[in-house]
């Protein structure tokens, strides 16, 4: 169970910044902080993070009054081995809540070669808890088809292990992909096209080592902040 404690922080009007919302959460984060500030309250720490370029999470010790601003993890600043309590926005930057209020998606156009390692790591680059999109209901697939902004974006489904047994490449959960979800109304049975892309007409299976134009990533919306369906 995620620890969700809302901090609604209204900034002074003199700062020219509107109110914003953070949640407390236990999660992995970059090993080295962006900045450390001494003698800092929780509210001040949140303000520092909000106004500091590159700050995506923050932590504050009420006893020592030490504030640490955390950047996004990277190859040179990898994730901590263990999850630790800190504060972060409800969703990572760029994720948009779908018409399923429990799910937010982010899509980006860029050249990327497929395969589970590549696709998973490209989504985790936004946040340790984001992952390649795993549409497994008609509502989810229809939302992605009508909102995808490019062609042949990688998603997190493949049948690499057993032909025709489609799984979430992140968790291994199996999923049924009805023919109606596919671009041509036919389930792909090719033994060489084991990774999945998506565009406006539906699913398209391609070779995992092929290069395509982007990806769609997914992030869970904390239950407390799930509202009515998006438009």
Protein backbone atom coordinates (compact mmCIF):
# COMPACT_ATOMS: atom_id res chain seq x y z
CA UNK A 1 0.00 0.00 0.00
CA UNK A 2 1.41 3.33 -1.03
CA UNK A 3 1.76 5.94 1.66
CA UNK A 4 -0.29 8.84 0.36
CA UNK A 5 -0.29 11.95 2.47
CA UNK A 6 -1.29 15.08 0.61
CA UNK A 7 0.67 18.27 1.01
CA UNK A 8 -1.21 21.18 -0.53
CA UNK A 9 1.27 24.01 -0.45
CA UNK A 10 0.06 27.54 -1.20
CA UNK A 11 3.01 29.72 -2.05
CA UNK A 12 3.27 33.38 -1.17
CA UNK A 13 1.83 35.58 -3.89
CA UNK A 14 5.07 37.55 -3.90
CA UNK A 15 6.78 34.50 -5.38
CA UNK A 16 4.45 34.57 -8.34
CA UNK A 17 3.85 30.81 -8.15
CA UNK A 18 0.45 29.17 -7.84
CA UNK A 19 -0.35 26.43 -5.32
CA UNK A 20 0.81 22.91 -6.15
CA UNK A 21 0.39 19.41 -4.87
CA UNK A 22 2.88 16.78 -3.71
CA UNK A 23 2.29 13.35 -2.24
CA UNK A 24 4.55 11.48 0.14
CA UNK A 25 5.68 8.16 -1.24
CA UNK A 26 8.30 5.49 -0.64
CA UNK A 27 10.23 4.99 -3.85
CA UNK A 28 13.70 4.59 -5.35
CA UNK A 29 15.36 7.82 -6.46
CA UNK A 30 18.62 9.19 -7.80
CA UNK A 31 21.59 8.42 -5.56
CA UNK A 32 23.06 11.93 -5.43
CA UNK A 33 20.86 14.92 -4.58
CA UNK A 34 20.67 17.93 -6.83
CA UNK A 35 21.07 20.22 -3.85
CA UNK A 36 21.01 20.08 -0.05
CA UNK A 37 19.58 22.99 1.95
CA UNK A 38 20.05 23.38 5.70
CA UNK A 39 17.61 24.90 8.19
CA UNK A 40 14.62 24.38 5.93
CA UNK A 41 10.99 23.62 6.75
CA UNK A 42 8.91 21.18 4.71
CA UNK A 43 7.05 24.00 3.00
CA UNK A 44 10.28 25.80 2.18
CA UNK A 45 11.75 22.56 0.82
CA UNK A 46 8.75 22.08 -1.46
CA UNK A 47 9.09 25.66 -2.69
CA UNK A 48 12.80 25.15 -3.39
CA UNK A 49 12.03 22.03 -5.43
CA UNK A 50 9.23 23.73 -7.34
CA UNK A 51 11.50 26.62 -8.28
CA UNK A 52 14.67 24.62 -8.98
CA UNK A 53 15.28 23.35 -12.50
CA UNK A 54 15.71 19.59 -12.57
CA UNK A 55 14.10 18.89 -9.20
CA UNK A 56 11.52 16.11 -9.50
CA UNK A 57 11.29 14.94 -5.87
CA UNK A 58 12.28 16.24 -2.45
CA UNK A 59 12.82 15.00 1.09
CA UNK A 60 12.80 16.86 4.37
CA UNK A 61 13.90 15.77 7.83
CA UNK A 62 11.79 17.57 10.47
CA UNK A 63 14.40 16.90 13.15
CA UNK A 64 17.56 18.06 11.38
CA UNK A 65 15.63 20.49 9.11
CA UNK A 66 17.72 19.22 6.22
CA UNK A 67 16.12 19.52 2.77
CA UNK A 68 17.33 17.46 -0.18
CA UNK A 69 16.26 18.10 -3.77
CA UNK A 70 16.37 15.06 -6.03
CA UNK A 71 16.89 15.02 -9.81
CA UNK A 72 15.68 12.39 -12.24
CA UNK A 73 17.93 9.34 -12.12
CA UNK A 74 20.38 8.75 -14.97
CA UNK A 75 23.28 6.53 -15.99
CA UNK A 76 25.65 8.81 -14.08
CA UNK A 77 23.29 9.15 -11.11
CA UNK A 78 21.59 5.75 -10.78
CA UNK A 79 18.68 4.72 -8.61
CA UNK A 80 19.17 3.89 -4.96
CA UNK A 81 19.12 0.18 -4.14
CA UNK A 82 16.26 0.61 -1.67
CA UNK A 83 13.09 2.68 -1.72
CA UNK A 84 13.02 5.64 0.67
CA UNK A 85 10.30 8.09 1.75
CA UNK A 86 10.17 11.41 -0.08
CA UNK A 87 7.71 13.76 -1.76
CA UNK A 88 6.84 13.94 -5.43
CA UNK A 89 4.12 15.20 -7.80
CA UNK A 90 1.04 13.04 -8.27
CA UNK A 91 2.30 12.07 -11.75
CA UNK A 92 5.66 12.43 -13.47
CA UNK A 93 5.95 15.28 -15.95
CA UNK A 94 4.12 14.74 -19.23
CA UNK A 95 1.80 11.93 -18.13
CA UNK A 96 -1.87 12.52 -18.95
CA UNK A 97 -4.75 10.77 -17.19
CA UNK A 98 -6.78 8.65 -19.61
CA UNK A 99 -10.50 7.88 -19.62
CA UNK A 100 -9.59 5.08 -17.23
CA UNK A 101 -8.90 7.28 -14.18
CA UNK A 102 -6.45 4.76 -12.74
CA UNK A 103 -4.06 5.09 -15.69
CA UNK A 104 -1.98 7.92 -17.14
CA UNK A 105 -0.01 7.71 -20.37
CA UNK A 106 2.92 9.53 -21.90
CA UNK A 107 3.93 9.15 -25.53
CA UNK A 108 7.00 10.50 -27.23
CA UNK A 109 8.29 10.47 -30.78
CA UNK A 110 11.94 9.45 -31.07
CA UNK A 111 13.92 6.72 -32.79
CA UNK A 112 14.13 3.61 -30.61
CA UNK A 113 15.03 -0.03 -31.23
CA UNK A 114 12.68 -2.50 -29.55
CA UNK A 115 13.17 -5.40 -27.18
CA UNK A 116 12.06 -5.60 -23.57
CA UNK A 117 15.23 -4.11 -22.05
CA UNK A 118 15.19 -1.10 -24.37
CA UNK A 119 11.47 -0.39 -24.10
CA UNK A 120 11.26 -0.87 -20.33
CA UNK A 121 14.33 1.27 -19.62
CA UNK A 122 13.08 4.03 -21.92
CA UNK A 123 9.89 4.33 -19.86
CA UNK A 124 11.64 4.03 -16.49
CA UNK A 125 13.76 6.99 -17.54
CA UNK A 126 10.71 9.20 -16.75
CA UNK A 127 10.16 7.67 -13.31
CA UNK A 128 11.16 4.40 -11.58
CA UNK A 129 7.49 3.38 -11.47
CA UNK A 130 6.54 4.13 -15.08
CA UNK A 131 6.52 1.25 -17.56
CA UNK A 132 5.61 0.47 -21.19
CA UNK A 133 1.87 0.78 -21.83
CA UNK A 134 -0.03 -2.45 -21.24
CA UNK A 135 -3.54 -2.02 -22.67
CA UNK A 136 -5.59 -5.06 -21.69
CA UNK A 137 -9.18 -3.82 -21.90
CA UNK A 138 -11.24 -2.56 -24.81
CA UNK A 139 -11.53 0.83 -23.12
CA UNK A 140 -7.76 1.14 -22.83
CA UNK A 141 -7.00 0.04 -26.40
CA UNK A 142 -9.65 2.37 -27.83
CA UNK A 143 -8.30 5.30 -25.84
CA UNK A 144 -4.78 4.73 -27.12
CA UNK A 145 -5.94 4.28 -30.72
CA UNK A 146 -7.80 7.58 -30.67
CA UNK A 147 -5.10 9.53 -28.83
CA UNK A 148 -1.87 8.18 -30.31
CA UNK A 149 0.02 11.03 -31.98
CA UNK A 150 2.34 8.97 -34.17
CA UNK A 151 2.67 5.66 -35.98
CA UNK A 152 4.05 2.38 -34.70
CA UNK A 153 4.83 3.45 -31.14
CA UNK A 154 6.22 0.65 -28.97
CA UNK A 155 4.01 -0.65 -26.15
CA UNK A 156 4.77 -3.24 -23.48
CA UNK A 157 3.21 -6.38 -24.96
CA UNK A 158 5.04 -9.25 -26.62
CA UNK A 159 4.91 -13.01 -27.28
CA UNK A 160 8.65 -13.68 -27.28
CA UNK A 161 8.49 -16.84 -25.15
CA UNK A 162 5.52 -18.64 -26.72
CA UNK A 163 3.99 -17.66 -30.04
CA UNK A 164 0.45 -16.38 -29.56
CA UNK A 165 0.74 -16.08 -25.76
CA UNK A 166 0.84 -12.31 -25.29
CA UNK A 167 2.30 -10.94 -22.08
CA UNK A 168 3.15 -7.71 -20.32
CA UNK A 169 6.90 -7.55 -20.85
CA UNK A 170 7.30 -5.85 -17.45
CA UNK A 171 5.34 -8.22 -15.19
CA UNK A 172 4.72 -11.32 -17.31
CA UNK A 173 0.93 -10.97 -16.97
CA UNK A 174 -0.85 -12.59 -19.91
CA UNK A 175 -3.41 -10.71 -21.97
CA UNK A 176 -5.97 -11.68 -24.59
CA UNK A 177 -5.71 -9.58 -27.76
CA UNK A 178 -8.94 -10.00 -29.76
CA UNK A 179 -8.73 -9.76 -33.54
CA UNK A 180 -10.71 -6.50 -33.45
CA UNK A 181 -7.81 -4.80 -31.68
CA UNK A 182 -5.41 -5.46 -34.57
CA UNK A 183 -4.86 -3.08 -37.47
CA UNK A 184 -6.23 -5.58 -40.02
CA UNK A 185 -8.65 -7.49 -37.82
CA UNK A 186 -6.38 -10.56 -37.72
CA UNK A 187 -4.25 -11.76 -34.81
CA UNK A 188 -0.62 -11.87 -35.92
CA UNK A 189 0.89 -15.37 -35.81
CA UNK A 190 4.33 -14.59 -37.23
CA UNK A 191 7.20 -16.24 -35.38
CA UNK A 192 9.53 -13.33 -36.18
CA UNK A 193 7.28 -10.41 -35.15
CA UNK A 194 7.10 -10.79 -31.38
CA UNK A 195 6.97 -7.20 -30.11
CA UNK A 196 4.02 -4.85 -30.32
CA UNK A 197 3.53 -1.38 -31.70
CA UNK A 198 0.35 0.66 -31.89
CA UNK A 199 -1.04 3.31 -34.20
CA UNK A 200 -4.46 4.75 -35.01
CA UNK A 201 -5.74 1.56 -36.66
CA UNK A 202 -4.70 -0.75 -33.86
CA UNK A 203 -1.95 -3.19 -32.91
CA UNK A 204 0.89 -4.07 -35.28
CA UNK A 205 3.38 -6.83 -34.41
CA UNK A 206 6.97 -6.22 -35.51
CA UNK A 207 10.42 -7.71 -34.98
CA UNK A 208 11.74 -6.89 -31.51
CA UNK A 209 15.07 -5.72 -32.91
CA UNK A 210 13.50 -3.30 -35.39
CA UNK A 211 13.60 0.48 -35.07
CA UNK A 212 10.44 2.54 -34.71
CA UNK A 213 9.32 6.08 -34.10
CA UNK A 214 8.53 6.28 -30.38
CA UNK A 215 6.89 4.69 -27.37
CA UNK A 216 3.85 4.92 -25.08
CA UNK A 217 4.51 4.66 -21.35
CA UNK A 218 2.10 4.14 -18.47
CA UNK A 219 1.92 5.23 -14.84
CA UNK A 220 -0.65 4.36 -12.18
CA UNK A 221 -2.67 7.23 -10.74
CA UNK A 222 -2.72 7.06 -6.91
CA UNK A 223 -6.17 5.85 -5.88
CA UNK A 224 -6.89 8.91 -3.76
CA UNK A 225 -6.54 11.15 -6.81
CA UNK A 226 -8.63 9.20 -9.30
CA UNK A 227 -11.47 11.33 -10.57
CA UNK A 228 -14.18 10.98 -13.21
CA UNK A 229 -13.13 9.77 -16.65
CA UNK A 230 -11.10 12.08 -18.85
CA UNK A 231 -12.49 13.35 -22.12
